[in-house]
Structure formats: C-alpha cells, structure tokens
C-alpha atoms as a PDB file:
ATOM      1  CA  MET A   1     142.031 137.148 142.935  1.00  0.00           C
ATOM      2  CA  ARG A   2     144.143 133.929 142.142  1.00  0.00           C
ATOM      3  CA  GLY A   3     140.813 132.117 142.269  1.00  0.00           C
ATOM      4  CA  GLY A   4     139.418 134.371 139.462  1.00  0.00           C
ATOM      5  CA  ILE A   5     142.778 134.387 137.417  1.00  0.00           C
ATOM      6  CA  LEU A   6     142.712 130.256 137.511  1.00  0.00           C
ATOM      7  CA  LYS A   7     139.041 130.680 136.504  1.00  0.00           C
ATOM      8  CA  VAL A   8     139.391 132.279 133.414  1.00  0.00           C
ATOM      9  CA  TYR A   9     142.785 130.054 133.172  1.00  0.00           C
ATOM     10  CA  TYR A  10     140.393 127.700 132.939  1.00  0.00           C
ATOM     11  CA  LYS A  11     137.782 128.508 130.956  1.00  0.00           C
ATOM     12  CA  ALA A  12     140.666 128.641 128.304  1.00  0.00           C
ATOM     13  CA  THR A  13     140.841 125.710 127.809  1.00  0.00           C
ATOM     14  CA  PHE A  14     140.225 122.789 125.778  1.00  0.00           C
ATOM     15  CA  THR A  15     138.317 120.317 128.496  1.00  0.00           C
ATOM     16  CA  TYR A  16     136.569 123.327 129.732  1.00  0.00           C
ATOM     17  CA  LYS A  17     135.555 123.767 125.921  1.00  0.00           C
ATOM     18  CA  ILE A  18     134.861 120.243 125.147  1.00  0.00           C
ATOM     19  CA  ILE A  19     132.514 119.868 128.867  1.00  0.00           C
ATOM     20  CA  ARG A  20     130.207 123.770 127.504  1.00  0.00           C
ATOM     21  CA  ALA A  21     129.685 121.760 124.054  1.00  0.00           C
ATOM     22  CA  LEU A  22     128.768 118.703 125.936  1.00  0.00           C
ATOM     23  CA  GLU A  23     125.938 120.998 128.096  1.00  0.00           C
ATOM     24  CA  GLN A  24     124.917 122.461 124.715  1.00  0.00           C
ATOM     25  CA  THR A  25     124.117 120.093 122.882  1.00  0.00           C
ATOM     26  CA  VAL A  26     122.621 117.645 126.263  1.00  0.00           C
ATOM     27  CA  THR A  27     120.655 120.920 126.584  1.00  0.00           C
ATOM     28  CA  GLU A  28     119.268 121.207 122.791  1.00  0.00           C
ATOM     29  CA  LEU A  29     118.489 118.390 122.274  1.00  0.00           C
ATOM     30  CA  ILE A  30     116.127 118.266 125.534  1.00  0.00           C
ATOM     31  CA  SER A  31     114.248 121.255 124.253  1.00  0.00           C
ATOM     32  CA  THR A  32     114.274 119.678 120.205  1.00  0.00           C
ATOM     33  CA  LEU A  33     112.263 116.929 121.969  1.00  0.00           C
ATOM     34  CA  GLY A  34     110.369 118.695 123.726  1.00  0.00           C
ATOM     35  CA  GLN A  35     109.136 121.347 121.312  1.00  0.00           C
ATOM     36  CA  ILE A  36     109.042 118.082 119.359  1.00  0.00           C
ATOM     37  CA  VAL A  37     106.177 116.422 121.437  1.00  0.00           C
ATOM     38  CA  ILE A  38     104.499 119.997 121.965  1.00  0.00           C
ATOM     39  CA  PHE A  39     104.078 120.160 118.388  1.00  0.00           C
ATOM     40  CA  GLY A  40     102.539 116.318 117.728  1.00  0.00           C
ATOM     41  CA  ILE A  41      99.976 116.815 120.150  1.00  0.00           C
ATOM     42  CA  GLU A  42      99.076 119.809 118.764  1.00  0.00           C
ATOM     43  CA  PHE A  43      98.496 118.082 115.168  1.00  0.00           C
ATOM     44  CA  LEU A  44      97.045 115.514 116.807  1.00  0.00           C
ATOM     45  CA  LYS A  45      94.250 117.910 118.510  1.00  0.00           C
ATOM     46  CA  GLY A  46      93.867 119.124 115.443  1.00  0.00           C
ATOM     47  CA  LEU A  47      93.567 116.183 113.500  1.00  0.00           C
ATOM     48  CA  LYS A  48      89.550 116.254 114.613  1.00  0.00           C
ATOM     49  CA  ASN A  49      88.842 120.391 112.712  1.00  0.00           C
ATOM     50  CA  LYS A  50      89.516 119.300 109.066  1.00  0.00           C
ATOM     51  CA  PRO A  51      92.232 122.089 108.538  1.00  0.00           C
ATOM     52  CA  THR A  52      93.401 121.419 105.628  1.00  0.00           C
ATOM     53  CA  THR A  53      91.376 120.831 102.461  1.00  0.00           C
ATOM     54  CA  PHE A  54      92.006 117.519 100.129  1.00  0.00           C
ATOM     55  CA  LYS A  55      93.705 119.707  97.514  1.00  0.00           C
ATOM     56  CA  GLU A  56      96.125 120.216  99.055  1.00  0.00           C
ATOM     57  CA  LEU A  57      96.972 116.940 100.686  1.00  0.00           C
ATOM     58  CA  MET A  58      97.269 115.233  97.513  1.00  0.00           C
ATOM     59  CA  TYR A  59      99.448 118.570  96.796  1.00  0.00           C
ATOM     60  CA  GLN A  60     101.826 117.070  99.479  1.00  0.00           C
ATOM     61  CA  CYS A  61     101.335 113.497  98.517  1.00  0.00           C
ATOM     62  CA  TYR A  62     102.552 113.758  95.087  1.00  0.00           C
ATOM     63  CA  ARG A  63     105.581 115.458  96.831  1.00  0.00           C
ATOM     64  CA  PHE A  64     106.440 113.132  99.169  1.00  0.00           C
ATOM     65  CA  GLY A  65     105.465 109.716  97.237  1.00  0.00           C
ATOM     66  CA  VAL A  66     106.309 110.489  93.242  1.00  0.00           C
ATOM     67  CA  THR A  67     109.362 113.547  94.242  1.00  0.00           C
ATOM     68  CA  SER A  68     110.863 110.823  95.752  1.00  0.00           C
ATOM     69  CA  LEU A  69     111.283 107.704  94.018  1.00  0.00           C
ATOM     70  CA  PRO A  70     113.835 108.625  91.654  1.00  0.00           C
ATOM     71  CA  ILE A  71     116.427 108.712  94.257  1.00  0.00           C
ATOM     72  CA  THR A  72     114.557 106.161  96.473  1.00  0.00           C
ATOM     73  CA  LEU A  73     114.886 103.460  93.738  1.00  0.00           C
ATOM     74  CA  SER A  74     118.535 104.389  92.808  1.00  0.00           C
ATOM     75  CA  ILE A  75     119.782 104.149  95.824  1.00  0.00           C
ATOM     76  CA  VAL A  76     117.026 100.952  97.500  1.00  0.00           C
ATOM     77  CA  GLY A  77     117.736  99.093  93.960  1.00  0.00           C
ATOM     78  CA  MET A  78     121.873 100.829  93.861  1.00  0.00           C
ATOM     79  CA  THR A  79     122.656  98.931  97.351  1.00  0.00           C
ATOM     80  CA  SER A  80     120.568  95.346  96.573  1.00  0.00           C
ATOM     81  CA  ILE A  81     122.751  94.754  93.214  1.00  0.00           C
ATOM     82  CA  ILE A  82     125.650  95.845  95.484  1.00  0.00           C
ATOM     83  CA  VAL A  83     124.468  93.003  97.995  1.00  0.00           C
ATOM     84  CA  ALA A  84     123.711  90.001  95.875  1.00  0.00           C
ATOM     85  CA  MET A  85     127.445  90.782  94.121  1.00  0.00           C
ATOM     86  CA  GLN A  86     129.551  90.296  97.357  1.00  0.00           C
ATOM     87  CA  VAL A  87     127.493  87.116  98.458  1.00  0.00           C
ATOM     88  CA  ALA A  88     125.936  85.407  95.255  1.00  0.00           C
ATOM     89  CA  GLY A  89     129.308  84.180  93.435  1.00  0.00           C
ATOM     90  CA  GLU A  90     130.137  82.758  96.831  1.00  0.00           C
ATOM     91  CA  MET A  91     127.301  81.157  98.054  1.00  0.00           C
ATOM     92  CA  VAL A  92     126.255  79.598  94.183  1.00  0.00           C
ATOM     93  CA  LYS A  93     130.363  77.780  95.065  1.00  0.00           C
ATOM     94  CA  GLN A  94     129.337  77.003  98.414  1.00  0.00           C
ATOM     95  CA  GLY A  95     126.111  75.106  97.653  1.00  0.00           C
ATOM     96  CA  ALA A  96     123.941  77.186  99.267  1.00  0.00           C
ATOM     97  CA  GLY A  97     122.688  79.386  95.630  1.00  0.00           C
ATOM     98  CA  ASN A  98     119.093  78.686  96.517  1.00  0.00           C
ATOM     99  CA  TYR A  99     119.334  80.904  99.784  1.00  0.00           C
ATOM    100  CA  VAL A 100     120.328  83.876  97.979  1.00  0.00           C
ATOM    101  CA  GLY A 101     116.437  85.083  96.799  1.00  0.00           C
ATOM    102  CA  MET A 102     115.400  84.949 101.173  1.00  0.00           C
ATOM    103  CA  LEU A 103     118.697  86.370 102.025  1.00  0.00           C
ATOM    104  CA  VAL A 104     118.136  89.571  99.018  1.00  0.00           C
ATOM    105  CA  ALA A 105     114.261  89.812 100.067  1.00  0.00           C
ATOM    106  CA  ILE A 106     114.909  89.354 103.717  1.00  0.00           C
ATOM    107  CA  LEU A 107     117.907  92.515 103.507  1.00  0.00           C
ATOM    108  CA  MET A 108     115.276  94.503 101.137  1.00  0.00           C
ATOM    109  CA  VAL A 109     112.159  93.930 103.311  1.00  0.00           C
ATOM    110  CA  ARG A 110     113.660  93.896 107.052  1.00  0.00           C
ATOM    111  CA  GLU A 111     116.060  97.009 107.049  1.00  0.00           C
ATOM    112  CA  GLU A 112     117.823  98.232 104.122  1.00  0.00           C
ATOM    113  CA  ALA A 113     114.228  99.488 101.619  1.00  0.00           C
ATOM    114  CA  VAL A 114     113.419 100.410 104.591  1.00  0.00           C
ATOM    115  CA  ILE A 115     116.777 102.737 105.646  1.00  0.00           C
ATOM    116  CA  MET A 116     117.651 103.869 102.902  1.00  0.00           C
ATOM    117  CA  ALA A 117     114.618 105.454 101.737  1.00  0.00           C
ATOM    118  CA  GLY A 118     113.479 107.008 105.181  1.00  0.00           C
ATOM    119  CA  PHE A 119     117.364 108.981 104.475  1.00  0.00           C
ATOM    120  CA  ALA A 120     116.908 109.362 101.177  1.00  0.00           C
ATOM    121  CA  ILE A 121     113.420 110.381 101.635  1.00  0.00           C
ATOM    122  CA  ILE A 122     114.845 112.697 104.762  1.00  0.00           C
ATOM    123  CA  SER A 123     117.852 114.662 102.582  1.00  0.00           C
ATOM    124  CA  MET A 124     114.640 115.614  99.959  1.00  0.00           C
ATOM    125  CA  ILE A 125     111.659 116.236 101.398  1.00  0.00           C
ATOM    126  CA  GLY A 126     112.609 116.546 105.404  1.00  0.00           C
ATOM    127  CA  SER A 127     114.990 119.056 104.523  1.00  0.00           C
ATOM    128  CA  SER A 128     112.371 120.850 101.954  1.00  0.00           C
ATOM    129  CA  LEU A 129     109.724 120.055 104.808  1.00  0.00           C
ATOM    130  CA  ALA A 130     112.263 122.030 106.938  1.00  0.00           C
ATOM    131  CA  SER A 131     113.716 124.931 105.466  1.00  0.00           C
ATOM    132  CA  GLU A 132     110.219 126.006 103.250  1.00  0.00           C
ATOM    133  CA  ILE A 133     108.501 126.162 106.992  1.00  0.00           C
ATOM    134  CA  ALA A 134     111.261 128.021 108.370  1.00  0.00           C
ATOM    135  CA  THR A 135     111.672 130.630 105.753  1.00  0.00           C
ATOM    136  CA  MET A 136     108.130 130.875 106.856  1.00  0.00           C
ATOM    137  CA  LYS A 137     108.706 131.486 109.995  1.00  0.00           C
ATOM    138  CA  VAL A 138     111.576 133.738 109.582  1.00  0.00           C
ATOM    139  CA  THR A 139     109.710 135.915 107.353  1.00  0.00           C
ATOM    140  CA  GLU A 140     106.533 136.458 109.552  1.00  0.00           C
ATOM    141  CA  GLN A 141     104.230 134.601 107.844  1.00  0.00           C
ATOM    142  CA  ILE A 142     103.539 132.399 110.343  1.00  0.00           C
ATOM    143  CA  ASP A 143     102.566 135.296 112.360  1.00  0.00           C
ATOM    144  CA  ALA A 144     100.426 136.319 109.971  1.00  0.00           C
ATOM    145  CA  ILE A 145      98.933 132.791 109.956  1.00  0.00           C
ATOM    146  CA  THR A 146      98.400 133.469 113.686  1.00  0.00           C
ATOM    147  CA  VAL A 147      96.619 137.017 113.091  1.00  0.00           C
ATOM    148  CA  LEU A 148      94.168 135.496 110.935  1.00  0.00           C
ATOM    149  CA  LYS A 149      93.705 133.281 114.306  1.00  0.00           C
ATOM    150  CA  VAL A 150      94.700 130.136 112.123  1.00  0.00           C
ATOM    151  CA  ASN A 151      96.164 127.631 114.144  1.00  0.00           C
ATOM    152  CA  PRO A 152      99.191 127.083 112.126  1.00  0.00           C
ATOM    153  CA  VAL A 153     100.656 123.590 113.630  1.00  0.00           C
ATOM    154  CA  HIS A 154      97.016 122.474 112.218  1.00  0.00           C
ATOM    155  CA  TYR A 155      97.157 124.904 108.715  1.00  0.00           C
ATOM    156  CA  LEU A 156     100.662 123.887 108.063  1.00  0.00           C
ATOM    157  CA  PHE A 157     101.702 120.417 109.850  1.00  0.00           C
ATOM    158  CA  THR A 158      98.442 118.983 108.789  1.00  0.00           C
ATOM    159  CA  PRO A 159      99.167 118.295 105.189  1.00  0.00           C
ATOM    160  CA  ARG A 160     102.253 117.316 105.870  1.00  0.00           C
ATOM    161  CA  VAL A 161     102.238 115.535 108.457  1.00  0.00           C
ATOM    162  CA  LEU A 162      99.670 113.178 106.641  1.00  0.00           C
ATOM    163  CA  ALA A 163     101.423 113.043 103.950  1.00  0.00           C
ATOM    164  CA  GLY A 164     104.332 111.328 104.625  1.00  0.00           C
ATOM    165  CA  THR A 165     103.207 109.141 107.350  1.00  0.00           C
ATOM    166  CA  LEU A 166     100.410 107.799 104.130  1.00  0.00           C
ATOM    167  CA  MET A 167     102.950 107.816 101.076  1.00  0.00           C
ATOM    168  CA  MET A 168     106.214 106.167 102.794  1.00  0.00           C
ATOM    169  CA  PRO A 169     104.640 102.820 102.819  1.00  0.00           C
ATOM    170  CA  VAL A 170     103.991 103.217  99.523  1.00  0.00           C
ATOM    171  CA  VAL A 171     107.804 104.065  98.738  1.00  0.00           C
ATOM    172  CA  VAL A 172     108.863 101.600 100.617  1.00  0.00           C
ATOM    173  CA  ILE A 173     106.711  98.723  99.331  1.00  0.00           C
ATOM    174  CA  ILE A 174     107.737 100.090  95.705  1.00  0.00           C
ATOM    175  CA  SER A 175     111.578 100.161  96.860  1.00  0.00           C
ATOM    176  CA  SER A 176     111.465  96.746  98.662  1.00  0.00           C
ATOM    177  CA  LEU A 177     110.278  95.332  94.789  1.00  0.00           C
ATOM    178  CA  VAL A 178     112.432  96.897  92.535  1.00  0.00           C
ATOM    179  CA  GLY A 179     115.593  95.916  95.194  1.00  0.00           C
ATOM    180  CA  ILE A 180     114.499  92.160  94.713  1.00  0.00           C
ATOM    181  CA  ILE A 181     114.053  93.092  91.345  1.00  0.00           C
ATOM    182  CA  GLY A 182     117.598  94.001  91.522  1.00  0.00           C
ATOM    183  CA  GLY A 183     119.330  91.392  92.991  1.00  0.00           C
ATOM    184  CA  ALA A 184     118.130  89.159  90.662  1.00  0.00           C
ATOM    185  CA  VAL A 185     119.536  90.870  87.851  1.00  0.00           C
ATOM    186  CA  ALA A 186     123.043  91.029  89.620  1.00  0.00           C
ATOM    187  CA  SER A 187     122.609  86.869  91.006  1.00  0.00           C
ATOM    188  CA  ASN A 188     121.736  85.807  87.202  1.00  0.00           C
ATOM    189  CA  LEU A 189     124.744  88.275  86.117  1.00  0.00           C
ATOM    190  CA  VAL A 190     127.725  87.344  88.659  1.00  0.00           C
ATOM    191  CA  SER A 191     126.728  83.304  89.159  1.00  0.00           C
ATOM    192  CA  GLY A 192     124.515  82.804  86.622  1.00  0.00           C
ATOM    193  CA  LEU A 193     121.431  81.987  89.255  1.00  0.00           C
ATOM    194  CA  THR A 194     118.579  81.248  87.725  1.00  0.00           C
ATOM    195  CA  PHE A 195     115.575  83.713  88.292  1.00  0.00           C
ATOM    196  CA  LYS A 196     113.438  80.596  88.618  1.00  0.00           C
ATOM    197  CA  ALA A 197     115.997  79.340  92.011  1.00  0.00           C
ATOM    198  CA  TYR A 198     115.864  83.244  92.973  1.00  0.00           C
ATOM    199  CA  PHE A 199     112.046  84.556  92.932  1.00  0.00           C
ATOM    200  CA  ASP A 200     111.439  80.673  94.620  1.00  0.00           C
ATOM    201  CA  SER A 201     114.107  81.296  97.263  1.00  0.00           C
ATOM    202  CA  VAL A 202     112.542  84.513  97.363  1.00  0.00           C
ATOM    203  CA  TRP A 203     109.004  83.274  98.113  1.00  0.00           C
ATOM    204  CA  PHE A 204     110.130  80.152 100.528  1.00  0.00           C
ATOM    205  CA  GLY A 205     111.970  82.906 103.030  1.00  0.00           C
ATOM    206  CA  LEU A 206     109.689  85.969 102.843  1.00  0.00           C
ATOM    207  CA  ASN A 207     107.110  86.009 105.399  1.00  0.00           C
ATOM    208  CA  THR A 208     103.671  88.005 106.419  1.00  0.00           C
ATOM    209  CA  HIS A 209     105.424  89.182 109.422  1.00  0.00           C
ATOM    210  CA  ASP A 210     108.212  90.588 107.845  1.00  0.00           C
ATOM    211  CA  LEU A 211     105.885  92.425 105.644  1.00  0.00           C
ATOM    212  CA  ASN A 212     103.613  93.090 108.631  1.00  0.00           C
ATOM    213  CA  VAL A 213     106.500  95.269 110.565  1.00  0.00           C
ATOM    214  CA  CYS A 214     107.535  96.305 106.882  1.00  0.00           C
ATOM    215  CA  ILE A 215     104.496  98.613 106.826  1.00  0.00           C
ATOM    216  CA  MET A 216     104.165  99.404 110.345  1.00  0.00           C
ATOM    217  CA  LYS A 217     108.094 100.565 111.053  1.00  0.00           C
ATOM    218  CA  SER A 218     107.324 102.918 107.794  1.00  0.00           C
ATOM    219  CA  PHE A 219     104.344 104.724 108.936  1.00  0.00           C
ATOM    220  CA  ALA A 220     106.258 104.924 111.864  1.00  0.00           C
ATOM    221  CA  PHE A 221     109.133 106.731 109.871  1.00  0.00           C
ATOM    222  CA  GLY A 222     107.337 108.413 107.674  1.00  0.00           C
ATOM    223  CA  PHE A 223     105.362 110.209 110.717  1.00  0.00           C
ATOM    224  CA  VAL A 224     108.736 111.035 113.039  1.00  0.00           C
ATOM    225  CA  ILE A 225     110.369 111.893 109.296  1.00  0.00           C
ATOM    226  CA  SER A 226     107.563 114.875 108.841  1.00  0.00           C
ATOM    227  CA  LEU A 227     107.329 115.624 112.211  1.00  0.00           C
ATOM    228  CA  ILE A 228     110.434 116.329 113.322  1.00  0.00           C
ATOM    229  CA  SER A 229     110.961 118.291 110.167  1.00  0.00           C
ATOM    230  CA  CYS A 230     108.228 120.376 110.427  1.00  0.00           C
ATOM    231  CA  SER A 231     109.157 121.206 113.806  1.00  0.00           C
ATOM    232  CA  CYS A 232     112.630 122.272 113.359  1.00  0.00           C
ATOM    233  CA  GLY A 233     111.225 124.790 110.549  1.00  0.00           C
ATOM    234  CA  MET A 234     108.595 125.953 112.763  1.00  0.00           C
ATOM    235  CA  GLU A 235     111.717 126.813 115.812  1.00  0.00           C
ATOM    236  CA  ALA A 236     113.440 128.900 112.984  1.00  0.00           C
ATOM    237  CA  ARG A 237     115.196 132.356 114.414  1.00  0.00           C
ATOM    238  CA  ASP A 238     117.712 134.864 113.359  1.00  0.00           C
ATOM    239  CA  GLY A 239     116.385 135.178 109.634  1.00  0.00           C
ATOM    240  CA  ALA A 240     118.559 132.942 107.039  1.00  0.00           C
ATOM    241  CA  LYS A 241     121.126 132.114 109.195  1.00  0.00           C
ATOM    242  CA  GLY A 242     118.095 130.617 111.181  1.00  0.00           C
ATOM    243  CA  VAL A 243     116.792 128.815 108.151  1.00  0.00           C
ATOM    244  CA  GLY A 244     119.837 126.836 107.648  1.00  0.00           C
ATOM    245  CA  LEU A 245     120.394 126.182 111.310  1.00  0.00           C
ATOM    246  CA  ALA A 246     116.885 124.598 111.055  1.00  0.00           C
ATOM    247  CA  THR A 247     117.192 122.925 107.775  1.00  0.00           C
ATOM    248  CA  THR A 248     120.453 120.869 109.297  1.00  0.00           C
ATOM    249  CA  LYS A 249     118.572 120.487 112.467  1.00  0.00           C
ATOM    250  CA  ALA A 250     115.814 118.126 111.083  1.00  0.00           C
ATOM    251  CA  VAL A 251     118.125 116.536 108.946  1.00  0.00           C
ATOM    252  CA  VAL A 252     120.866 116.060 112.125  1.00  0.00           C
ATOM    253  CA  TRP A 253     117.392 114.972 114.112  1.00  0.00           C
ATOM    254  CA  SER A 254     115.920 112.558 111.999  1.00  0.00           C
ATOM    255  CA  PHE A 255     118.772 110.196 110.917  1.00  0.00           C
ATOM    256  CA  VAL A 256     119.037 109.652 114.763  1.00  0.00           C
ATOM    257  CA  ALA A 257     115.127 109.181 114.836  1.00  0.00           C
ATOM    258  CA  ILE A 258     114.543 106.585 111.975  1.00  0.00           C
ATOM    259  CA  VAL A 259     117.542 104.945 113.477  1.00  0.00           C
ATOM    260  CA  ILE A 260     115.917 104.769 117.403  1.00  0.00           C
ATOM    261  CA  VAL A 261     112.663 104.121 115.863  1.00  0.00           C
ATOM    262  CA  ASP A 262     114.802 100.254 113.827  1.00  0.00           C
ATOM    263  CA  LEU A 263     115.750  99.785 116.602  1.00  0.00           C
ATOM    264  CA  ILE A 264     113.107  99.409 118.849  1.00  0.00           C
ATOM    265  CA  PHE A 265     111.745  98.051 115.962  1.00  0.00           C
ATOM    266  CA  ALA A 266     113.798  95.246 116.061  1.00  0.00           C
ATOM    267  CA  ALA A 267     113.832  94.809 119.312  1.00  0.00           C
ATOM    268  CA  ALA A 268     110.333  94.138 120.206  1.00  0.00           C
ATOM    269  CA  CYS A 269     109.630  92.228 116.108  1.00  0.00           C
ATOM    270  CA  PHE A 270     113.067  90.057 115.799  1.00  0.00           C
ATOM    271  CA  TYR A 271     114.154  89.711 119.190  1.00  0.00           C
END
C-alpha cells in the first residue's frame, strides 16, 4: 500500500515528467529514423521502374528551385552583407584589405550559402512537401492510390526527392554568387575597398576543392531535406492535428539532419 502511494507520488513529480519526456523523445527519434531509412530504401528501389512522368518532375523542379529563390537569395545576400560590414572596415584598417574577398567567398562557398539555402528550403519547400503528403494521408488519398496497385512511395517520393536532389546545387550556386557580390558591394561602401581588389582576393582564395565540396554537400542537403519531409508527411495520423505535427516534425528533423550532414562534410573534407 505504501509502495503504491509512493509510486503515485513519484509519477506526479517534475523529475518523472522530464524522464518520461526524454524517453518519448528518444523513442520518437529512433522510430522516425527507422521510417526514413525504410522509405529511402523503397525510393531507391523504385527508381528503376520510372514511376513518375517528366512533366511532374519538371513541376517539382520548378517548385523546388525557382519558387524558393527569392527568399533564399534574400537570406544569403543579407548574410554576406552583414559579414562584410563587420569585417571589411577593420581588416582594411589593419592593412588586410586584400583578404576581405577571400574571407567572404570562403565563408559563403563552404558554409553560409549552403546552410542558409538549406534553412530557407526547409522552411518554404520542406514544410510544404510534408503538409501536402500528410493531408493526402489523413484524407485517405494515399489509401486510394494503394488500392489502384500503385506504390505511393514510388509515385509521391520520386519526383519530389529527385527534384530536391537535382535543384539544390543550382540554388546554392546562385546563392553563393549573390553572396559574394553582396559582400563586394558592402565592402566598397563600408571601407572603400575597390571591386578589383575584392574580386582578385576571391580569385586567389577559392579553389576547386571548396567548390566540389559545396556541390556535393548541396546534393546531400537536397536529398535529405526532401526525403525527410516526404517521410514525415507519410507518417501523419489523426486528421488536421496530425498534419500539423507531421509538418513540425519534418522541419525540426530536417534542420537537425543538415547540421549533422554539414558536420560530417566538415570533418571529412577540411579537418
């Protein structure tokens, strides 16, 4: 009797609630990772069957690559301007003006452009993919596709994941160029650094290794973002509430995933 009372009291404590929340988070993480891996394997198996049309693929490419450009370029451009404003004046004062373009370019190509583009894509496109597929799931449209003997993973994932993988490098390359140009304008306005000196520094500082890593990383980011968003949408349950939860999960896990992928690339390519 006394043990039962203590057990009830313990379950009402804040410590127990924290432990239970951590257990649920770990369980959800493992379950989500497992589902993403399963859907990813199923997606790769379906590539040989050509389960989508060229028209649908082009629509998803337009959606992923074109509609996301305004917000992506705005974020990357403003970031480069802020960085250049912070460092250009001081570096010119210290006689290191010839290194401003190199610093901004390396920062943009190695990290800022791809990370900021990834965040913008997740916020705009990833959430849209997750909510779209989640709505189809809770309204039983995916069940109808299955009844027609069409694999929903092949049918829904293929154009979206391929579009994300193919278009992310394009978005990142354009964003990097905009970021470098924005840094040049900011450096000229803040410190009077000439455009020739800035771009000579860019040309001197960047190398093919940086560009290759940037492109490989952007391919990985596009694949991860689109796969996680679609997978979370496919697991939606319980009506409108489930759609919201699936969208939130897709955004959160996509943010976490690209940071982990970025860490792996940094350790493998620049350590």
